[in-house]
Amino acid sequence: MALEKQTSFDYEIRSEFKNIQERTKTSVMEDGKELSYSYHRRVLSPDADVSAESDEVKALANAVWTDEVKAAWAEKQAAVAAAAPAAEESSEEESSE
């Protein structure tokens, strides 16, 4: 009756910005049979530093994060940042009325 913890990973590429979604499955095994498992997810965007990531993640990032994808992501982030102050001002005006 030896308990063992196993970890596995799978990946999905999502959206026009080619976000890398990593799903980690952690399984508790007893004598080769899975007793329980849990999932954890995280998302890496095209502006992420993947230098400390696994070779698999680095390969995915290099394959899908083209200069065009990185530029589109940067434009999207700039547009969101520019819209944020306008949204804050609008909500402040509404709350003072």
C-alpha atoms as a PDB file:
ATOM      1  CA  MET A   1       0.000   0.000   0.000  1.00  0.00           C
ATOM      2  CA  ALA A   2       2.396   2.647  -1.204  1.00  0.00           C
ATOM      3  CA  LEU A   3       0.948   6.079  -1.848  1.00  0.00           C
ATOM      4  CA  GLU A   4       2.429   8.077  -4.682  1.00  0.00           C
ATOM      5  CA  LYS A   5       1.809  11.583  -6.000  1.00  0.00           C
ATOM      6  CA  GLN A   6       1.917  12.052  -9.780  1.00  0.00           C
ATOM      7  CA  THR A   7       1.808  15.329 -11.671  1.00  0.00           C
ATOM      8  CA  SER A   8       0.983  15.762 -15.356  1.00  0.00           C
ATOM      9  CA  PHE A   9       0.477  18.772 -17.602  1.00  0.00           C
ATOM     10  CA  ASP A  10      -1.570  19.558 -20.673  1.00  0.00           C
ATOM     11  CA  TYR A  11      -1.860  22.726 -22.709  1.00  0.00           C
ATOM     12  CA  GLU A  12      -4.384  24.622 -24.798  1.00  0.00           C
ATOM     13  CA  ILE A  13      -3.821  27.649 -27.026  1.00  0.00           C
ATOM     14  CA  ARG A  14      -6.710  30.088 -26.567  1.00  0.00           C
ATOM     15  CA  SER A  15      -7.947  33.274 -28.298  1.00  0.00           C
ATOM     16  CA  GLU A  16      -6.532  35.344 -31.120  1.00  0.00           C
ATOM     17  CA  PHE A  17      -3.712  36.349 -28.742  1.00  0.00           C
ATOM     18  CA  LYS A  18      -2.518  32.732 -28.447  1.00  0.00           C
ATOM     19  CA  ASN A  19      -2.668  32.589 -24.649  1.00  0.00           C
ATOM     20  CA  ILE A  20      -1.136  29.369 -23.365  1.00  0.00           C
ATOM     21  CA  GLN A  21      -3.399  27.705 -20.827  1.00  0.00           C
ATOM     22  CA  GLU A  22      -1.584  25.151 -18.684  1.00  0.00           C
ATOM     23  CA  ARG A  23      -3.555  22.582 -16.723  1.00  0.00           C
ATOM     24  CA  THR A  24      -1.753  20.663 -14.010  1.00  0.00           C
ATOM     25  CA  LYS A  25      -3.280  17.418 -12.792  1.00  0.00           C
ATOM     26  CA  THR A  26      -2.067  16.122  -9.453  1.00  0.00           C
ATOM     27  CA  SER A  27      -3.060  12.519  -8.738  1.00  0.00           C
ATOM     28  CA  VAL A  28      -2.749  10.471  -5.573  1.00  0.00           C
ATOM     29  CA  MET A  29      -2.060   6.874  -6.525  1.00  0.00           C
ATOM     30  CA  GLU A  30      -2.135   3.688  -4.470  1.00  0.00           C
ATOM     31  CA  ASP A  31      -0.747   0.528  -6.004  1.00  0.00           C
ATOM     32  CA  GLY A  32      -1.230   1.951  -9.496  1.00  0.00           C
ATOM     33  CA  LYS A  33      -4.849   3.022  -8.917  1.00  0.00           C
ATOM     34  CA  GLU A  34      -5.871   6.659  -8.796  1.00  0.00           C
ATOM     35  CA  LEU A  35      -7.477   7.499  -5.448  1.00  0.00           C
ATOM     36  CA  SER A  36      -8.016  11.199  -6.057  1.00  0.00           C
ATOM     37  CA  TYR A  37      -6.935  14.053  -8.272  1.00  0.00           C
ATOM     38  CA  SER A  38      -7.110  17.819  -8.533  1.00  0.00           C
ATOM     39  CA  TYR A  39      -6.551  20.368 -11.276  1.00  0.00           C
ATOM     40  CA  HIS A  40      -4.854  23.736 -11.265  1.00  0.00           C
ATOM     41  CA  ARG A  41      -4.882  26.105 -14.243  1.00  0.00           C
ATOM     42  CA  ARG A  42      -2.861  29.118 -15.198  1.00  0.00           C
ATOM     43  CA  VAL A  43      -2.659  31.272 -18.289  1.00  0.00           C
ATOM     44  CA  LEU A  44       0.432  32.736 -19.908  1.00  0.00           C
ATOM     45  CA  SER A  45      -0.043  35.784 -22.142  1.00  0.00           C
ATOM     46  CA  PRO A  46       2.253  36.845 -25.002  1.00  0.00           C
ATOM     47  CA  ASP A  47       4.030  39.375 -22.760  1.00  0.00           C
ATOM     48  CA  ALA A  48       4.984  36.698 -20.207  1.00  0.00           C
ATOM     49  CA  ASP A  49       8.623  35.923 -19.417  1.00  0.00           C
ATOM     50  CA  VAL A  50       8.940  32.205 -20.122  1.00  0.00           C
ATOM     51  CA  SER A  51      12.680  31.938 -19.507  1.00  0.00           C
ATOM     52  CA  ALA A  52      12.119  29.969 -16.269  1.00  0.00           C
ATOM     53  CA  GLU A  53       9.356  27.772 -17.729  1.00  0.00           C
ATOM     54  CA  SER A  54       9.649  24.172 -18.891  1.00  0.00           C
ATOM     55  CA  ASP A  55      11.096  23.426 -22.320  1.00  0.00           C
ATOM     56  CA  GLU A  56       7.608  22.432 -23.428  1.00  0.00           C
ATOM     57  CA  VAL A  57       6.149  25.850 -22.541  1.00  0.00           C
ATOM     58  CA  LYS A  58       9.112  27.630 -24.141  1.00  0.00           C
ATOM     59  CA  ALA A  59       8.592  25.656 -27.353  1.00  0.00           C
ATOM     60  CA  LEU A  60       4.876  26.491 -27.407  1.00  0.00           C
ATOM     61  CA  ALA A  61       5.543  30.178 -26.787  1.00  0.00           C
ATOM     62  CA  ASN A  62       8.181  30.319 -29.521  1.00  0.00           C
ATOM     63  CA  ALA A  63       5.837  28.582 -31.945  1.00  0.00           C
ATOM     64  CA  VAL A  64       2.679  30.635 -31.397  1.00  0.00           C
ATOM     65  CA  TRP A  65       3.822  34.030 -30.080  1.00  0.00           C
ATOM     66  CA  THR A  66       4.862  35.607 -33.356  1.00  0.00           C
ATOM     67  CA  ASP A  67       5.835  39.272 -33.565  1.00  0.00           C
ATOM     68  CA  GLU A  68       2.353  39.969 -34.958  1.00  0.00           C
ATOM     69  CA  VAL A  69       0.659  38.252 -32.005  1.00  0.00           C
ATOM     70  CA  LYS A  70       2.870  40.099 -29.499  1.00  0.00           C
ATOM     71  CA  ALA A  71       2.113  43.433 -31.182  1.00  0.00           C
ATOM     72  CA  ALA A  72      -1.644  42.752 -31.194  1.00  0.00           C
ATOM     73  CA  TRP A  73      -1.493  41.834 -27.490  1.00  0.00           C
ATOM     74  CA  ALA A  74       0.444  45.016 -26.667  1.00  0.00           C
ATOM     75  CA  GLU A  75      -2.143  47.100 -28.569  1.00  0.00           C
ATOM     76  CA  LYS A  76      -4.976  45.393 -26.695  1.00  0.00           C
ATOM     77  CA  GLN A  77      -3.312  46.034 -23.321  1.00  0.00           C
ATOM     78  CA  ALA A  78      -2.702  49.695 -24.227  1.00  0.00           C
ATOM     79  CA  ALA A  79      -6.362  50.110 -25.212  1.00  0.00           C
ATOM     80  CA  VAL A  80      -7.528  48.550 -21.932  1.00  0.00           C
ATOM     81  CA  ALA A  81      -5.175  50.784 -19.931  1.00  0.00           C
ATOM     82  CA  ALA A  82      -6.366  53.882 -21.790  1.00  0.00           C
ATOM     83  CA  ALA A  83     -10.013  53.001 -21.161  1.00  0.00           C
ATOM     84  CA  ALA A  84      -9.510  52.339 -17.430  1.00  0.00           C
ATOM     85  CA  PRO A  85      -9.113  56.007 -16.315  1.00  0.00           C
ATOM     86  CA  ALA A  86     -12.171  57.004 -18.344  1.00  0.00           C
ATOM     87  CA  ALA A  87     -14.221  54.270 -16.683  1.00  0.00           C
ATOM     88  CA  GLU A  88     -13.013  55.344 -13.219  1.00  0.00           C
ATOM     89  CA  GLU A  89     -13.896  58.992 -13.894  1.00  0.00           C
ATOM     90  CA  SER A  90     -17.332  57.965 -15.126  1.00  0.00           C
ATOM     91  CA  SER A  91     -18.075  55.916 -11.998  1.00  0.00           C
ATOM     92  CA  GLU A  92     -16.833  58.717  -9.721  1.00  0.00           C
ATOM     93  CA  GLU A  93     -19.155  61.213 -11.436  1.00  0.00           C
ATOM     94  CA  GLU A  94     -22.118  58.852 -11.030  1.00  0.00           C
ATOM     95  CA  SER A  95     -21.430  58.282  -7.335  1.00  0.00           C
ATOM     96  CA  SER A  96     -21.180  62.020  -6.584  1.00  0.00           C
ATOM     97  CA  GLU A  97     -24.622  62.738  -8.041  1.00  0.00           C
END
